Amino acid sequence: MERPLVYLFVSIIIGDLCGILFQDFLIIDVAIAASFFIFMFIISQKKLLFFELCFFLIGFFSLLLYFHSNLRVQSTINVRVINKNKYYTTASYIGRKINIRGNLPQVNIGENANIKGYFNKNIDYEYGTIGDFKVVKVNGKSHDLLTKMYFYKQELFKKFDDELGKDFSSKIMAVAFGDSSELSQNDKDNFKRLGIVYAICVSGLHMLIVFKTLQLCFNLEISILMGIFYTLFTGCQPATVRALIMIIVLKYSKKINKNYDVYSALSLAGMILLLFRPYYILDIGFMLSFLSTFGIALFYKKISRFFYKLPKKINESLSISLSVQSISMPYVLFTIKNFSLGFALGNIVLIPMFSLLVALGNVALIFSFFKPLFKIICIPIYVVLTALNGASNILLNITPKMLYIPLIDTIFIMYLYFCYILARKGYRNVKYGAILFFSLILINTYSFTPKISYLDLKSGYGFILRYKFNTILISNYEIINNDEKEELQGRFCVNKFVTNKNFNYNILMKNRYLVYIPKYQGDKKVMLKVKDMATKRNMVYFYDGTVRYYGINSTENYDIIKEDDNIKAIDLPVDNLDFDVINNKVVVIKK
């Protein structure tokens, strides 16, 4: 069988997913595992089935072992702080991530600390954390080589700051070393809009550029050692580790006269990463790195041949951009739910500058111990960053806004793609399925009854009122940020924004139901009322984070509420609830 590593990689992936589902969804877990082995039994060679079973079990048990913890409620542990801000602290405990609660003012990122406190098991598979640890006392702290790397990264920023200023220093640190802690939110949003956000997260592109630069000066072995140092210095991001493993496989396959297979190398890198970090299966960075590389391997040559008339450099940039999006875009739409329409322009114009900055930034790192040479290297960095700023501003003026796509629209796009493939194979009748699906989306967009939803916003809260094709968002602060508006328009199809920051609002729905939103006076006050104008009675109102109504007739999936002054008032939390007004009744939909 060709490429057995691919089958083994898939086995580990399925094993990890089954490990995640094992505790809460046992029946689904068994069904997935059984379906997988039936499928493999049909398509695989019999001698490979045993190894597929072994790697499935490796994935399954590695995930269970990672999230298994025998920490007592009251414990004293040694941790390394890996992330810290004003909201939370994340630390590494014997290779596992743990959330630290409590004040750690004297412990910096990268330092080892011996802490005493209380552990609460609270597994988060997506972020790979095994629980929360409430710190009572910090017994002491220590430094090692990794700590010195963390500290020197901060020292390097200060050196760049002295030569380039804070704005340019934050950009070179983000582009060359993936440290975006000092990068402004505006810059992050701009990179996102131009479709080049991966340039400020150390990726396979960074490792490729660094390795090519190293090989100009050193032999293979020294280049690999320095590549490992760069990987450690930038935080061992999954994309960087993946690229380093694939580069090592490529270089040594040539030395031993073996053919290099990108799919097998990609699978080997994935197996190694998932073995030590099984939660990566839910990590967006890990998935995008592998899907993007898979897309390049699968479609780059075909797309490049299609654009053969274009100049070579433009052809390469455009072909890589489109091949990356071909596989990663569906995943992005399902997880991040937005898409940059300017990704092609951003990649063609800006990525060459980013590549040069990655190389110059790492040269500056090498010479950062020699101030005169460091100052000289900063001159071309300043020139390239100035050019990057100018090009970015031009592109931002001509690039379309970010496209925010609701889940139902994403499913429709994927369905259209599936229909297109079937149509190409001669199944012409699939077009009727696409028309039916589009009709269902229109019905879903149209609200036949007045609907009210509570929404947590970036700087406060709001209510979304829907009726027919109208969707109004009332927020307790004025939303002036265009990016925030565009995101809300994309996610919730909002076509009108109002605020009750300074005024009361009355909105009449269906010519009968008056929605009253008083001027914002704090969370303890009434936030919204719905009144039936025919009976002059309040049907439902929100206050202090809850919603109150009168009378209840419960069913399995929803509650039908009708006002009755003789029945005791009942409160519900506002989260995860939608309210429909139907025939003089309020229907509370539990989302």
Protein backbone atom coordinates (compact mmCIF):
# COMPACT_ATOMS: atom_id res chain seq x y z
CA MET A 1 0.00 0.00 0.00
CA GLU A 2 1.25 3.46 -0.89
CA ARG A 3 1.85 6.00 1.90
CA PRO A 4 1.06 3.84 4.97
CA LEU A 5 2.02 6.77 7.23
CA VAL A 6 -1.06 8.64 6.00
CA TYR A 7 -3.32 5.81 7.22
CA LEU A 8 -1.51 5.67 10.56
CA PHE A 9 -1.85 9.46 10.97
CA VAL A 10 -5.59 9.22 10.31
CA SER A 11 -5.77 6.42 12.89
CA ILE A 12 -4.19 8.65 15.55
CA ILE A 13 -6.60 11.48 14.65
CA ILE A 14 -9.64 9.22 15.05
CA GLY A 15 -8.18 7.86 18.30
CA ASP A 16 -7.81 11.41 19.69
CA LEU A 17 -11.36 12.33 18.68
CA CYS A 18 -12.71 9.16 20.31
CA GLY A 19 -10.75 10.02 23.46
CA ILE A 20 -12.47 13.42 23.57
CA LEU A 21 -15.94 11.89 23.15
CA PHE A 22 -15.32 8.96 25.49
CA GLN A 23 -16.60 10.52 28.73
CA ASP A 24 -19.77 12.29 27.56
CA PHE A 25 -20.78 10.68 24.26
CA LEU A 26 -19.94 7.00 24.60
CA ILE A 27 -22.49 5.76 22.04
CA ILE A 28 -21.31 8.24 19.40
CA ASP A 29 -17.74 7.36 20.33
CA VAL A 30 -18.29 3.64 19.72
CA ALA A 31 -20.14 4.35 16.47
CA ILE A 32 -17.26 6.49 15.12
CA ALA A 33 -14.64 3.90 16.09
CA ALA A 34 -16.64 1.03 14.59
CA SER A 35 -17.32 2.93 11.36
CA PHE A 36 -13.65 3.82 11.06
CA PHE A 37 -12.46 0.23 11.40
CA ILE A 38 -15.11 -1.07 9.01
CA PHE A 39 -13.97 1.52 6.47
CA MET A 40 -10.30 0.67 7.00
CA PHE A 41 -11.06 -3.06 6.74
CA ILE A 42 -12.56 -2.42 3.31
CA ILE A 43 -9.85 -0.16 1.85
CA SER A 44 -6.67 -1.21 3.71
CA GLN A 45 -4.38 -4.14 3.27
CA LYS A 46 -4.92 -6.72 5.97
CA LYS A 47 -1.31 -6.56 7.21
CA LEU A 48 -1.73 -2.83 7.88
CA LEU A 49 -4.91 -3.22 9.96
CA PHE A 50 -2.98 -4.30 13.05
CA PHE A 51 -0.80 -1.17 12.93
CA GLU A 52 -3.85 1.03 12.35
CA LEU A 53 -5.44 -0.45 15.48
CA CYS A 54 -2.24 0.17 17.44
CA PHE A 55 -2.01 3.80 16.38
CA PHE A 56 -5.71 4.31 17.05
CA LEU A 57 -5.12 3.07 20.61
CA ILE A 58 -2.00 5.25 20.91
CA GLY A 59 -4.05 8.32 20.00
CA PHE A 60 -6.92 7.31 22.28
CA PHE A 61 -4.82 6.60 25.38
CA SER A 62 -2.38 9.48 24.84
CA LEU A 63 -5.30 11.89 25.04
CA LEU A 64 -6.75 10.21 28.14
CA LEU A 65 -3.33 10.21 29.82
CA TYR A 66 -2.73 13.87 28.97
CA PHE A 67 -5.94 14.99 30.65
CA HIS A 68 -5.64 12.54 33.53
CA SER A 69 -4.41 14.20 36.70
CA ASN A 70 -3.91 12.80 40.17
CA LEU A 71 -3.44 16.22 41.75
CA ARG A 72 -5.04 16.50 45.18
CA VAL A 73 -7.40 19.37 45.90
CA GLN A 74 -4.76 20.97 48.12
CA SER A 75 -1.37 20.70 46.45
CA THR A 76 2.05 22.24 46.07
CA ILE A 77 3.31 22.05 42.48
CA ASN A 78 6.08 23.28 40.21
CA VAL A 79 4.93 25.13 37.08
CA ARG A 80 6.33 27.27 34.29
CA VAL A 81 4.32 30.41 33.40
CA ILE A 82 3.76 30.39 29.62
CA ASN A 83 1.14 33.09 29.22
CA LYS A 84 0.13 35.97 31.44
CA ASN A 85 -2.09 39.02 31.10
CA LYS A 86 -4.46 41.03 33.25
CA TYR A 87 -7.26 38.48 32.78
CA TYR A 88 -5.62 35.09 33.30
CA THR A 89 -2.37 33.16 33.63
CA THR A 90 -1.56 29.86 31.94
CA ALA A 91 1.21 27.60 33.16
CA SER A 92 2.80 24.30 32.16
CA TYR A 93 2.66 21.49 34.73
CA ILE A 94 4.60 18.31 33.82
CA GLY A 95 3.87 18.95 30.14
CA ARG A 96 0.20 19.85 30.70
CA LYS A 97 -1.47 23.25 30.59
CA ILE A 98 -3.19 24.52 33.72
CA ASN A 99 -5.07 27.77 34.41
CA ILE A 100 -3.69 29.74 37.35
CA ARG A 101 -6.13 31.77 39.43
CA GLY A 102 -4.89 34.33 41.86
CA ASN A 103 -2.26 37.03 41.89
CA LEU A 104 1.25 36.23 40.62
CA PRO A 105 2.81 39.70 40.38
CA GLN A 106 6.33 38.52 41.16
CA VAL A 107 6.38 35.65 38.62
CA ASN A 108 7.08 36.56 34.98
CA ILE A 109 6.45 34.68 31.74
CA GLY A 110 9.01 31.90 31.31
CA GLU A 111 9.87 31.56 35.01
CA ASN A 112 9.48 28.37 37.01
CA ALA A 113 7.53 28.74 40.25
CA ASN A 114 6.73 26.53 43.20
CA ILE A 115 3.16 27.37 44.19
CA LYS A 116 0.78 26.20 46.88
CA GLY A 117 -2.97 26.24 46.49
CA TYR A 118 -6.16 24.40 45.53
CA PHE A 119 -6.73 22.43 42.34
CA ASN A 120 -10.08 22.07 40.60
CA LYS A 121 -10.28 19.64 37.70
CA ASN A 122 -11.88 21.49 34.79
CA ILE A 123 -10.91 19.96 31.44
CA ASP A 124 -10.95 22.15 28.35
CA TYR A 125 -10.11 19.98 25.34
CA GLU A 126 -9.91 22.91 22.92
CA TYR A 127 -7.19 24.75 24.85
CA GLY A 128 -5.56 21.68 26.38
CA THR A 129 -6.01 22.74 30.01
CA ILE A 130 -6.55 20.11 32.72
CA GLY A 131 -8.05 22.42 35.35
CA ASP A 132 -7.77 25.53 37.50
CA PHE A 133 -5.29 26.13 40.31
CA LYS A 134 -6.08 28.78 42.92
CA VAL A 135 -2.77 30.13 44.24
CA VAL A 136 -2.50 30.70 47.96
CA LYS A 137 1.26 31.16 48.23
CA VAL A 138 4.30 31.36 45.96
CA ASN A 139 7.08 29.45 47.71
CA GLY A 140 9.81 30.40 45.27
CA LYS A 141 10.87 30.65 41.64
CA SER A 142 13.80 29.55 39.48
CA HIS A 143 15.35 30.11 36.05
CA ASP A 144 16.68 27.78 33.34
CA LEU A 145 17.66 28.00 29.66
CA LEU A 146 14.05 28.44 28.47
CA THR A 147 13.54 31.21 31.03
CA LYS A 148 16.57 33.03 29.65
CA MET A 149 15.11 32.71 26.14
CA TYR A 150 11.86 34.32 27.32
CA PHE A 151 13.77 37.11 29.03
CA TYR A 152 16.03 37.72 26.05
CA LYS A 153 13.01 38.06 23.78
CA GLN A 154 11.84 40.94 26.00
CA GLU A 155 15.35 42.41 25.94
CA LEU A 156 15.41 42.15 22.15
CA PHE A 157 12.18 44.14 21.93
CA LYS A 158 13.77 46.91 24.00
CA LYS A 159 16.78 46.98 21.67
CA PHE A 160 14.53 47.26 18.61
CA ASP A 161 12.52 49.95 20.42
CA ASP A 162 15.66 52.06 20.88
CA GLU A 163 16.45 51.90 17.15
CA LEU A 164 13.04 51.70 15.44
CA GLY A 165 10.40 53.02 17.85
CA LYS A 166 7.60 51.04 19.48
CA ASP A 167 5.36 50.71 16.42
CA PHE A 168 8.05 49.23 14.16
CA SER A 169 9.54 47.19 17.03
CA SER A 170 6.21 45.49 17.73
CA LYS A 171 5.87 44.62 14.03
CA ILE A 172 9.34 43.15 13.60
CA MET A 173 8.92 41.09 16.78
CA ALA A 174 5.54 39.81 15.52
CA VAL A 175 6.72 39.09 11.99
CA ALA A 176 10.14 37.58 12.77
CA PHE A 177 9.44 35.79 16.07
CA GLY A 178 5.65 35.51 16.38
CA ASP A 179 5.54 37.72 19.49
CA SER A 180 2.42 39.85 18.97
CA SER A 181 2.07 40.89 22.63
CA GLU A 182 3.06 44.49 21.85
CA LEU A 183 1.21 44.71 18.53
CA SER A 184 -1.77 47.08 18.52
CA GLN A 185 -5.26 45.70 17.95
CA ASN A 186 -5.58 47.94 14.88
CA ASP A 187 -2.50 46.32 13.31
CA LYS A 188 -3.86 42.85 14.10
CA ASP A 189 -7.19 43.74 12.47
CA ASN A 190 -5.41 45.06 9.39
CA PHE A 191 -3.36 41.88 9.00
CA LYS A 192 -6.56 39.90 9.40
CA ARG A 193 -8.37 41.94 6.75
CA LEU A 194 -5.50 41.50 4.28
CA GLY A 195 -5.53 37.74 4.81
CA ILE A 196 -1.95 37.58 6.13
CA VAL A 197 -2.56 37.09 9.86
CA TYR A 198 -0.37 33.97 9.70
CA ALA A 199 2.59 36.32 9.10
CA ILE A 200 2.44 37.40 12.76
CA CYS A 201 2.07 33.82 14.03
CA VAL A 202 5.25 31.83 13.56
CA SER A 203 4.37 29.42 10.76
CA GLY A 204 5.95 27.02 8.32
CA LEU A 205 6.81 30.00 6.11
CA HIS A 206 8.98 31.43 8.89
CA MET A 207 10.84 28.17 9.39
CA LEU A 208 11.39 27.76 5.66
CA ILE A 209 12.86 31.27 5.34
CA VAL A 210 15.02 30.87 8.45
CA PHE A 211 16.33 27.48 7.32
CA LYS A 212 17.19 28.73 3.83
CA THR A 213 19.04 31.68 5.37
CA LEU A 214 20.94 29.38 7.74
CA GLN A 215 22.01 27.06 4.93
CA LEU A 216 23.67 29.97 3.16
CA CYS A 217 26.14 30.14 6.07
CA PHE A 218 26.22 26.72 7.75
CA ASN A 219 26.12 23.01 6.95
CA LEU A 220 23.01 20.87 7.39
CA GLU A 221 23.66 19.70 10.96
CA ILE A 222 24.37 23.19 12.34
CA SER A 223 21.36 24.57 10.41
CA ILE A 224 19.13 21.94 12.04
CA LEU A 225 20.46 22.76 15.52
CA MET A 226 19.86 26.48 14.97
CA GLY A 227 16.42 25.66 13.55
CA ILE A 228 15.62 23.83 16.79
CA PHE A 229 16.84 26.87 18.75
CA TYR A 230 14.56 29.14 16.66
CA THR A 231 11.63 26.79 17.31
CA LEU A 232 12.25 26.96 21.08
CA PHE A 233 12.81 30.73 20.98
CA THR A 234 9.48 31.32 19.25
CA GLY A 235 7.48 29.08 21.60
CA CYS A 236 7.34 25.71 19.79
CA GLN A 237 4.25 26.59 17.76
CA PRO A 238 2.71 23.54 16.02
CA ALA A 239 3.24 25.02 12.53
CA THR A 240 6.93 25.65 13.24
CA VAL A 241 7.52 22.16 14.64
CA ARG A 242 5.65 20.65 11.69
CA ALA A 243 7.79 22.58 9.20
CA LEU A 244 11.04 21.68 10.99
CA ILE A 245 10.21 17.96 10.96
CA MET A 246 9.30 18.07 7.26
CA ILE A 247 12.52 19.96 6.41
CA ILE A 248 14.63 17.40 8.29
CA VAL A 249 12.87 14.53 6.48
CA LEU A 250 13.40 16.29 3.12
CA LYS A 251 17.12 16.94 3.68
CA TYR A 252 17.95 13.46 4.97
CA SER A 253 15.87 11.70 2.31
CA LYS A 254 18.17 13.29 -0.27
CA LYS A 255 21.27 12.22 1.66
CA ILE A 256 20.20 8.57 1.74
CA ASN A 257 18.91 8.65 -1.88
CA LYS A 258 15.25 8.15 -0.99
CA ASN A 259 12.30 9.85 -2.66
CA TYR A 260 10.66 12.55 -0.58
CA ASP A 261 6.89 12.22 -0.27
CA VAL A 262 5.22 15.34 1.12
CA TYR A 263 2.11 13.47 2.29
CA SER A 264 4.14 10.95 4.28
CA ALA A 265 6.36 13.69 5.77
CA LEU A 266 3.26 15.70 6.72
CA SER A 267 1.73 12.60 8.33
CA LEU A 268 4.91 11.85 10.28
CA ALA A 269 5.02 15.42 11.62
CA GLY A 270 1.36 15.19 12.63
CA MET A 271 1.85 11.87 14.41
CA ILE A 272 4.76 13.23 16.46
CA LEU A 273 2.88 16.38 17.44
CA LEU A 274 -0.33 14.55 18.41
CA LEU A 275 1.62 12.01 20.41
CA PHE A 276 2.94 14.71 22.76
CA ARG A 277 0.10 17.24 22.43
CA PRO A 278 -3.06 15.24 21.66
CA TYR A 279 -5.30 18.28 22.24
CA TYR A 280 -3.80 19.83 19.09
CA ILE A 281 -6.52 18.00 17.18
CA LEU A 282 -8.84 20.87 18.25
CA ASP A 283 -6.19 23.60 17.89
CA ILE A 284 -6.98 26.01 15.05
CA GLY A 285 -3.29 26.78 14.40
CA PHE A 286 -2.43 23.08 14.11
CA MET A 287 -5.34 22.34 11.79
CA LEU A 288 -4.74 25.35 9.53
CA SER A 289 -1.03 24.52 9.23
CA PHE A 290 -1.71 20.95 8.12
CA LEU A 291 -4.69 21.79 5.90
CA SER A 292 -2.75 24.60 4.20
CA THR A 293 0.25 22.35 3.54
CA PHE A 294 -2.04 19.62 2.24
CA GLY A 295 -3.72 22.14 -0.08
CA ILE A 296 -0.35 23.28 -1.46
CA ALA A 297 0.74 19.68 -2.07
CA LEU A 298 -2.54 18.81 -3.75
CA PHE A 299 -3.32 21.83 -5.92
CA TYR A 300 -0.26 24.09 -6.29
CA LYS A 301 1.05 22.59 -9.54
CA LYS A 302 -2.41 22.45 -11.13
CA ILE A 303 -3.19 26.08 -10.28
CA SER A 304 0.28 27.18 -11.37
CA ARG A 305 -0.24 25.58 -14.80
CA PHE A 306 -3.58 27.37 -15.10
CA PHE A 307 -1.89 30.77 -14.55
CA TYR A 308 1.12 29.98 -16.74
CA LYS A 309 0.81 33.29 -18.64
CA LEU A 310 1.40 35.37 -15.52
CA PRO A 311 4.91 36.49 -14.50
CA LYS A 312 6.68 33.80 -12.47
CA LYS A 313 6.67 35.59 -9.09
CA ILE A 314 3.01 36.58 -9.37
CA ASN A 315 2.13 33.07 -10.51
CA GLU A 316 3.89 31.53 -7.50
CA SER A 317 2.28 33.86 -4.94
CA LEU A 318 -1.20 33.55 -6.43
CA SER A 319 -0.97 29.76 -6.84
CA ILE A 320 0.20 29.28 -3.26
CA SER A 321 -2.56 31.57 -1.92
CA LEU A 322 -5.32 29.79 -3.83
CA SER A 323 -4.03 26.30 -3.04
CA VAL A 324 -3.86 27.16 0.68
CA GLN A 325 -7.43 28.49 0.65
CA SER A 326 -8.76 25.50 -1.32
CA ILE A 327 -8.53 23.20 1.70
CA SER A 328 -8.30 25.54 4.69
CA MET A 329 -11.19 27.86 3.75
CA PRO A 330 -14.00 25.42 4.72
CA TYR A 331 -12.38 24.90 8.13
CA VAL A 332 -11.96 28.67 8.60
CA LEU A 333 -15.61 29.29 7.76
CA PHE A 334 -16.80 26.68 10.25
CA THR A 335 -14.51 27.76 13.11
CA ILE A 336 -13.59 31.44 12.73
CA LYS A 337 -16.68 32.28 10.62
CA ASN A 338 -15.01 35.05 8.63
CA PHE A 339 -13.09 35.30 5.40
CA SER A 340 -10.73 37.87 3.92
CA LEU A 341 -11.61 38.80 0.35
CA GLY A 342 -8.25 40.55 -0.01
CA PHE A 343 -6.06 37.51 0.72
CA ALA A 344 -4.73 37.26 -2.85
CA LEU A 345 -3.57 40.90 -3.00
CA GLY A 346 -2.12 40.69 0.50
CA ASN A 347 -0.11 37.58 -0.32
CA ILE A 348 1.17 38.82 -3.71
CA VAL A 349 2.24 42.29 -2.53
CA LEU A 350 3.13 41.93 1.16
CA ILE A 351 4.46 38.42 1.70
CA PRO A 352 7.76 39.14 -0.14
CA MET A 353 8.31 42.01 2.32
CA PHE A 354 7.43 39.78 5.26
CA SER A 355 9.87 37.15 4.02
CA LEU A 356 12.64 39.75 3.91
CA LEU A 357 11.73 40.94 7.42
CA VAL A 358 11.87 37.39 8.81
CA ALA A 359 15.39 36.97 7.42
CA LEU A 360 16.56 40.43 8.58
CA GLY A 361 14.96 39.99 12.01
CA ASN A 362 16.82 36.75 12.63
CA VAL A 363 20.09 38.25 11.40
CA ALA A 364 19.48 41.07 13.87
CA LEU A 365 18.92 38.45 16.60
CA ILE A 366 22.33 36.91 15.86
CA PHE A 367 24.08 40.29 15.95
CA SER A 368 22.05 41.71 18.83
CA PHE A 369 25.06 41.16 21.14
CA PHE A 370 27.13 43.54 19.01
CA LYS A 371 25.49 46.95 19.15
CA PRO A 372 27.26 48.55 16.11
CA LEU A 373 26.30 45.64 13.83
CA PHE A 374 22.80 45.55 15.30
CA LYS A 375 22.32 49.24 14.50
CA ILE A 376 23.42 48.62 10.90
CA ILE A 377 20.95 45.70 10.47
CA CYS A 378 18.14 47.91 11.80
CA ILE A 379 18.57 50.33 8.87
CA PRO A 380 17.22 47.96 6.15
CA ILE A 381 14.60 46.71 8.63
CA TYR A 382 13.36 50.30 9.03
CA VAL A 383 13.27 50.77 5.25
CA VAL A 384 11.30 47.56 4.64
CA LEU A 385 8.85 48.32 7.47
CA THR A 386 8.25 51.79 6.04
CA ALA A 387 7.54 50.26 2.64
CA LEU A 388 5.29 47.67 4.31
CA ASN A 389 3.27 50.39 6.04
CA GLY A 390 2.80 52.28 2.77
CA ALA A 391 1.79 49.18 0.80
CA SER A 392 -0.58 48.05 3.57
CA ASN A 393 -2.34 51.44 3.63
CA ILE A 394 -2.82 51.35 -0.14
CA LEU A 395 -4.19 47.81 -0.06
CA LEU A 396 -6.52 48.60 2.85
CA ASN A 397 -8.09 51.37 0.78
CA ILE A 398 -8.89 49.03 -2.11
CA THR A 399 -9.43 45.74 -0.27
CA PRO A 400 -13.03 44.68 0.50
CA LYS A 401 -14.10 44.44 4.13
CA MET A 402 -13.93 41.19 6.06
CA LEU A 403 -16.73 38.83 5.16
CA TYR A 404 -18.50 37.35 8.20
CA ILE A 405 -20.50 34.27 7.31
CA PRO A 406 -23.19 32.66 9.50
CA LEU A 407 -23.04 28.89 9.99
CA ILE A 408 -26.07 28.18 7.79
CA ASP A 409 -24.45 30.09 4.90
CA THR A 410 -21.20 28.16 5.39
CA ILE A 411 -23.10 24.89 5.12
CA PHE A 412 -24.77 26.18 1.96
CA ILE A 413 -21.40 27.10 0.42
CA MET A 414 -20.04 23.63 1.17
CA TYR A 415 -23.20 22.10 -0.26
CA LEU A 416 -22.81 24.13 -3.46
CA TYR A 417 -19.24 22.91 -3.77
CA PHE A 418 -20.42 19.32 -3.36
CA CYS A 419 -23.14 19.91 -5.97
CA TYR A 420 -20.57 21.37 -8.35
CA ILE A 421 -18.42 18.23 -8.08
CA LEU A 422 -21.44 15.99 -8.74
CA ALA A 423 -22.55 18.19 -11.67
CA ARG A 424 -19.09 17.89 -13.22
CA LYS A 425 -19.50 14.11 -13.04
CA GLY A 426 -22.80 14.28 -14.92
CA TYR A 427 -25.37 14.44 -12.10
CA ARG A 428 -27.27 17.46 -13.42
CA ASN A 429 -30.30 17.05 -11.16
CA VAL A 430 -28.34 18.20 -8.10
CA LYS A 431 -29.15 21.78 -9.11
CA TYR A 432 -32.66 21.26 -7.73
CA GLY A 433 -31.19 20.39 -4.34
CA ALA A 434 -29.21 23.63 -4.38
CA ILE A 435 -32.37 25.61 -5.17
CA LEU A 436 -34.22 23.88 -2.32
CA PHE A 437 -31.35 24.59 0.10
CA PHE A 438 -31.34 28.27 -0.93
CA SER A 439 -35.08 28.47 -0.28
CA LEU A 440 -34.56 27.03 3.20
CA ILE A 441 -31.94 29.71 3.90
CA LEU A 442 -34.38 32.45 2.89
CA ILE A 443 -36.98 30.95 5.22
CA ASN A 444 -34.41 30.80 8.01
CA THR A 445 -33.47 34.46 7.45
CA TYR A 446 -37.11 35.58 7.52
CA SER A 447 -38.62 35.90 11.01
CA PHE A 448 -42.34 35.14 10.87
CA THR A 449 -42.88 36.25 14.47
CA PRO A 450 -41.27 38.97 16.60
CA LYS A 451 -38.08 37.56 18.14
CA ILE A 452 -35.86 38.99 20.91
CA SER A 453 -32.36 37.79 21.80
CA TYR A 454 -29.92 38.94 24.46
CA LEU A 455 -26.33 39.39 23.30
CA ASP A 456 -23.02 39.93 25.09
CA LEU A 457 -20.95 42.51 23.19
CA LYS A 458 -17.32 43.60 23.38
CA SER A 459 -18.00 46.61 25.61
CA GLY A 460 -21.40 45.84 27.09
CA TYR A 461 -24.61 44.07 26.14
CA GLY A 462 -27.40 44.42 23.62
CA PHE A 463 -30.69 43.04 22.34
CA ILE A 464 -31.42 41.84 18.84
CA LEU A 465 -35.00 42.38 17.66
CA ARG A 466 -36.08 40.44 14.57
CA TYR A 467 -39.29 40.62 12.59
CA LYS A 468 -39.69 39.72 8.94
CA PHE A 469 -36.43 40.79 7.21
CA ASN A 470 -35.70 43.53 9.74
CA THR A 471 -33.02 43.00 12.39
CA ILE A 472 -32.28 45.78 14.89
CA LEU A 473 -29.48 45.73 17.44
CA ILE A 474 -29.96 47.92 20.54
CA SER A 475 -26.74 48.22 22.57
CA ASN A 476 -26.02 49.98 25.86
CA TYR A 477 -23.09 51.78 24.22
CA GLU A 478 -22.53 53.35 20.84
CA ILE A 479 -20.83 50.96 18.44
CA ILE A 480 -18.48 53.20 16.45
CA ASN A 481 -15.87 50.60 15.50
CA ASN A 482 -16.52 49.63 11.87
CA ASP A 483 -14.96 46.19 12.28
CA GLU A 484 -17.28 45.41 15.18
CA LYS A 485 -20.27 46.59 13.16
CA GLU A 486 -19.26 44.49 10.16
CA GLU A 487 -18.82 41.42 12.33
CA LEU A 488 -22.28 41.84 13.88
CA GLN A 489 -23.82 42.46 10.47
CA GLY A 490 -22.22 39.29 9.15
CA ARG A 491 -23.03 37.06 12.12
CA PHE A 492 -26.58 38.28 12.84
CA CYS A 493 -27.65 40.05 9.60
CA VAL A 494 -28.15 43.31 11.53
CA ASN A 495 -29.45 46.11 9.28
CA LYS A 496 -29.91 48.82 11.92
CA PHE A 497 -27.86 49.86 14.97
CA VAL A 498 -29.27 51.97 17.82
CA THR A 499 -28.11 52.63 21.38
CA ASN A 500 -29.95 53.43 24.60
CA LYS A 501 -26.87 55.06 26.10
CA ASN A 502 -28.50 58.52 26.16
CA PHE A 503 -32.15 58.00 25.15
CA ASN A 504 -35.16 55.75 25.69
CA TYR A 505 -36.31 53.67 22.74
CA ASN A 506 -39.78 52.42 21.83
CA ILE A 507 -40.13 49.95 18.97
CA LEU A 508 -43.55 48.69 17.85
CA MET A 509 -43.49 45.17 16.43
CA LYS A 510 -46.36 43.66 14.45
CA ASN A 511 -48.39 46.81 15.22
CA ARG A 512 -49.20 45.41 18.64
CA TYR A 513 -46.15 44.61 20.79
CA LEU A 514 -44.28 47.56 22.20
CA VAL A 515 -40.62 46.93 23.01
CA TYR A 516 -39.44 49.53 25.50
CA ILE A 517 -35.70 49.99 26.07
CA PRO A 518 -35.06 52.61 28.76
CA LYS A 519 -31.99 54.79 28.87
CA TYR A 520 -29.07 52.78 30.25
CA GLN A 521 -28.71 53.35 34.00
CA GLY A 522 -26.65 50.34 35.05
CA ASP A 523 -27.07 46.58 34.99
CA LYS A 524 -29.27 46.58 38.11
CA LYS A 525 -32.02 48.48 36.33
CA VAL A 526 -34.68 47.30 33.87
CA MET A 527 -33.01 46.61 30.54
CA LEU A 528 -36.01 45.84 28.28
CA LYS A 529 -39.78 45.38 28.47
CA VAL A 530 -42.25 43.85 26.03
CA LYS A 531 -45.81 45.13 26.39
CA ASP A 532 -48.99 43.96 24.71
CA MET A 533 -50.69 47.21 23.64
CA ALA A 534 -54.06 45.51 23.32
CA THR A 535 -54.17 44.37 26.97
CA LYS A 536 -51.73 47.02 28.36
CA ARG A 537 -49.85 44.31 30.21
CA ASN A 538 -46.14 43.54 30.37
CA MET A 539 -45.48 40.19 28.76
CA VAL A 540 -41.81 39.84 29.63
CA TYR A 541 -38.97 42.03 30.83
CA PHE A 542 -35.23 41.83 31.41
CA TYR A 543 -33.45 43.18 34.45
CA ASP A 544 -30.20 42.56 36.33
CA GLY A 545 -29.02 39.74 34.08
CA THR A 546 -32.31 37.80 34.27
CA VAL A 547 -35.63 37.75 32.45
CA ARG A 548 -38.94 37.70 34.35
CA TYR A 549 -42.31 36.54 33.12
CA TYR A 550 -45.62 35.36 34.67
CA GLY A 551 -47.09 31.87 34.35
CA ILE A 552 -45.56 28.86 32.63
CA ASN A 553 -46.71 25.82 30.70
CA SER A 554 -43.63 23.66 30.21
CA THR A 555 -42.91 21.25 27.38
CA GLU A 556 -39.77 19.28 26.57
CA ASN A 557 -38.03 21.72 24.23
CA TYR A 558 -39.57 25.06 25.00
CA ASP A 559 -41.73 26.96 27.43
CA ILE A 560 -44.93 28.77 26.44
CA ILE A 561 -45.42 31.71 28.76
CA LYS A 562 -48.63 33.67 29.10
CA GLU A 563 -49.00 36.51 31.54
CA ASP A 564 -51.13 35.75 34.58
CA ASP A 565 -50.95 38.11 37.54
CA ASN A 566 -52.25 35.43 39.89
CA ILE A 567 -49.24 33.14 39.31
CA LYS A 568 -45.90 33.65 40.99
CA ALA A 569 -43.24 35.37 38.87
CA ILE A 570 -40.47 33.15 37.51
CA ASP A 571 -36.93 34.25 36.61
CA LEU A 572 -34.57 32.77 34.05
CA PRO A 573 -30.96 33.68 33.13
CA VAL A 574 -30.84 35.68 29.92
CA ASP A 575 -28.04 33.61 28.37
CA ASN A 576 -28.93 30.96 25.76
CA LEU A 577 -32.54 32.09 25.41
CA ASP A 578 -34.53 33.44 22.46
CA PHE A 579 -38.00 34.94 22.83
CA ASP A 580 -40.73 34.67 20.19
CA VAL A 581 -44.05 36.46 20.53
CA ILE A 582 -46.75 34.21 19.05
CA ASN A 583 -50.49 34.77 19.36
CA ASN A 584 -50.31 36.86 22.49
CA LYS A 585 -47.91 34.40 24.13
CA VAL A 586 -44.17 34.47 24.71
CA VAL A 587 -42.27 31.39 23.56
CA VAL A 588 -38.91 30.93 25.29
CA ILE A 589 -36.60 28.94 23.04
CA LYS A 590 -33.70 27.30 24.87
CA LYS A 591 -30.76 27.52 22.45
